[in-house]
Amino acid sequence: MNFKEIIAKIESSEEFKEYKKQNKDSFLADIFTIIKEKEAEDWQFDYYSKSKDKITSFIIQDKEIQEKEEEIFRKDNSEIIKLNLNNIKITVEKALEEINKKTKEKPNEIIIALQVINKKETWNITYLTTSFKTINTKIDAKSGKIISQEETSLFGALKLGNFMKKK
């Protein structure tokens, strides 16, 4: 996936130029997609406007650019930092290979975000598995090193046992 080519296409579009006139302080904050049944949805390129404190997503669908402004999804009031594509040395395919080496779980869906976390460009990848678990892995996008991996059972989160008890 050549993100630089896609970004150049987005940023040269009339839609983006009009957006940029209204959001001069905006910058690329993250890149996002979901893979379902081994088919990736269109990649979403999110630009953050600090003055508006909003994200605007750009997606290329059927050769047309779609634009959508959204509220920010973030924990606490953490700072949103510009994504620097020159720091990305590990492809999404390589990141997925690293995760697959560390787990035997098979994903139904994969949520992928390329974003800056703790001042590092990071692949933030979550598997939703066939055994009803989530596996969230953060990989340094420059070195390929796994920063963290956390596994959670969806059944444990739902506490189904309480519903199963007889009275």
Foldseek 3Di string as FASTA:
>chain_A
DPVVVVVVVVCVDPVNVVVCVVQVQKAFFKKKWKAAPNRIDFIWTWIARPVVQWIWIWTQDPNDIDIDIDHDDDPDPDDGDHDDCVQAPADPVLLVVVVVVVDVFDARMKIWMFGADPNFGWTWIWGCGPQQKIWTWIARRRPRHTPDIDIGHPCVVVVCVVVVDDD
